[in-house]
Amino acid sequence: MYTASAAFLEALNEAGVSCIFANFGSDHPALIEALAEARATGRAVPAVLTCPNEMVAMSAAHGHALVSGRAQAVVVYVECGTQALAGAVHNAARGRVPMLVFAGASPFTQQGELRGGP
């Protein structure tokens, strides 16, 4: 099935992103499913490097971009994960290193108020 996550991976691939430096979590099941489906069907997608911390993810992407000359993708949790990028964002901005940063979606229901919600 062609989903938004599949289109996202396709766009990254077409943009020349070779790696996704990620700290996956509850924000990213659709993306993980799209990665698995792409691998199962042989579609090209960027390599995923799992990082235990957001600062590590962006710092690794920073280094890769310096060596390869191409912007890389960073995928993190929303809110606290995005906040944890602060130092690495500063480093990349000061060094004028290109980076693509994506965060998950913040939940807007908690008690099952909407169909399909938690």
Protein backbone atom coordinates (compact mmCIF):
# COMPACT_ATOMS: atom_id res chain seq x y z
CA MET A 1 0.00 0.00 0.00
CA TYR A 2 1.29 3.47 -0.87
CA THR A 3 1.16 5.55 2.31
CA ALA A 4 2.40 8.96 3.43
CA SER A 5 5.35 7.20 5.10
CA ALA A 6 6.18 5.39 1.84
CA ALA A 7 6.05 8.73 0.01
CA PHE A 8 8.27 10.28 2.69
CA LEU A 9 10.91 7.56 2.24
CA GLU A 10 10.67 7.88 -1.53
CA ALA A 11 11.17 11.66 -1.30
CA LEU A 12 14.23 11.24 0.94
CA ASN A 13 15.70 8.72 -1.48
CA GLU A 14 15.06 10.99 -4.47
CA ALA A 15 16.66 13.92 -2.60
CA GLY A 16 19.88 11.92 -2.25
CA VAL A 17 19.57 11.19 1.46
CA SER A 18 21.52 8.00 2.06
CA CYS A 19 20.98 7.69 5.83
CA ILE A 20 18.26 8.30 8.38
CA PHE A 21 19.75 8.85 11.83
CA ALA A 22 16.85 7.95 14.10
CA ASN A 23 15.68 7.64 17.66
CA PHE A 24 12.42 5.86 16.85
CA GLY A 25 9.58 5.61 19.30
CA SER A 26 5.81 5.64 19.62
CA ASP A 27 5.58 8.47 17.08
CA HIS A 28 6.98 6.34 14.26
CA PRO A 29 5.17 2.99 13.72
CA ALA A 30 3.94 3.95 10.24
CA LEU A 31 7.46 4.91 9.20
CA ILE A 32 8.89 1.65 10.55
CA GLU A 33 6.20 -0.31 8.65
CA ALA A 34 7.02 1.57 5.44
CA LEU A 35 10.73 0.77 5.89
CA ALA A 36 9.94 -2.91 6.38
CA GLU A 37 7.65 -3.00 3.34
CA ALA A 38 10.25 -1.24 1.16
CA ARG A 39 12.92 -3.72 2.19
CA ALA A 40 10.56 -6.69 1.61
CA THR A 41 9.71 -5.50 -1.90
CA GLY A 42 13.21 -4.38 -2.84
CA ARG A 43 12.48 -0.65 -3.06
CA ALA A 44 15.47 1.58 -2.36
CA VAL A 45 15.28 3.55 0.88
CA PRO A 46 17.92 5.32 2.95
CA ALA A 47 19.82 3.19 5.47
CA VAL A 48 18.60 3.55 9.05
CA LEU A 49 21.12 4.12 11.81
CA THR A 50 19.45 3.81 15.19
CA CYS A 51 20.82 6.30 17.70
CA PRO A 52 20.13 6.08 21.45
CA ASN A 53 19.93 9.85 21.85
CA GLU A 54 18.77 12.75 19.70
CA MET A 55 22.01 14.72 20.13
CA VAL A 56 23.92 11.63 18.95
CA ALA A 57 21.61 11.26 15.94
CA MET A 58 22.04 14.82 14.76
CA SER A 59 25.76 14.88 15.49
CA ALA A 60 26.22 11.70 13.44
CA ALA A 61 24.16 13.19 10.60
CA HIS A 62 26.31 16.32 10.85
CA GLY A 63 29.50 14.30 10.46
CA HIS A 64 28.05 12.28 7.58
CA ALA A 65 27.01 15.46 5.78
CA LEU A 66 30.52 16.90 6.18
CA VAL A 67 32.12 13.77 4.70
CA SER A 68 29.56 13.08 1.96
CA GLY A 69 28.64 16.65 1.04
CA ARG A 70 24.93 15.74 1.19
CA ALA A 71 22.26 16.58 3.73
CA GLN A 72 21.10 13.61 5.81
CA ALA A 73 17.85 12.99 7.69
CA VAL A 74 17.31 12.98 11.44
CA VAL A 75 14.10 11.46 12.87
CA VAL A 76 13.28 12.00 16.56
CA TYR A 77 10.47 12.04 19.07
CA VAL A 78 8.28 15.11 19.27
CA GLU A 79 8.60 17.58 22.16
CA CYS A 80 11.42 16.32 24.44
CA GLY A 81 13.20 14.61 21.56
CA THR A 82 13.13 17.79 19.54
CA GLN A 83 14.32 19.80 22.55
CA ALA A 84 17.24 17.41 22.95
CA LEU A 85 18.50 18.49 19.52
CA ALA A 86 19.24 22.03 20.68
CA GLY A 87 23.02 21.79 20.97
CA ALA A 88 23.36 19.84 17.74
CA VAL A 89 21.08 22.30 15.89
CA HIS A 90 23.34 25.12 17.08
CA ASN A 91 26.45 23.26 15.90
CA ALA A 92 24.96 22.55 12.46
CA ALA A 93 23.68 26.11 12.08
CA ARG A 94 27.03 27.64 13.04
CA GLY A 95 28.84 25.29 10.65
CA ARG A 96 26.22 25.84 7.92
CA VAL A 97 25.83 22.07 7.59
CA PRO A 98 22.63 21.01 5.79
CA MET A 99 20.28 18.75 7.73
CA LEU A 100 16.71 17.46 7.37
CA VAL A 101 15.07 17.13 10.79
CA PHE A 102 11.73 15.39 11.33
CA ALA A 103 9.79 14.82 14.55
CA GLY A 104 6.70 12.74 15.24
CA ALA A 105 3.23 14.04 15.89
CA SER A 106 2.18 15.03 19.37
CA PRO A 107 -0.92 13.15 20.58
CA PHE A 108 -4.02 15.30 20.91
CA THR A 109 -6.31 12.81 22.65
CA GLN A 110 -5.72 10.71 25.73
CA GLN A 111 -9.01 9.23 26.74
CA GLY A 112 -10.33 7.77 23.48
CA GLU A 113 -12.29 10.91 22.58
CA LEU A 114 -11.86 10.22 18.88
CA ARG A 115 -12.43 7.05 16.92
CA GLY A 116 -9.11 5.25 16.44
CA GLY A 117 -7.46 7.22 19.24
CA PRO A 118 -5.79 5.79 22.32
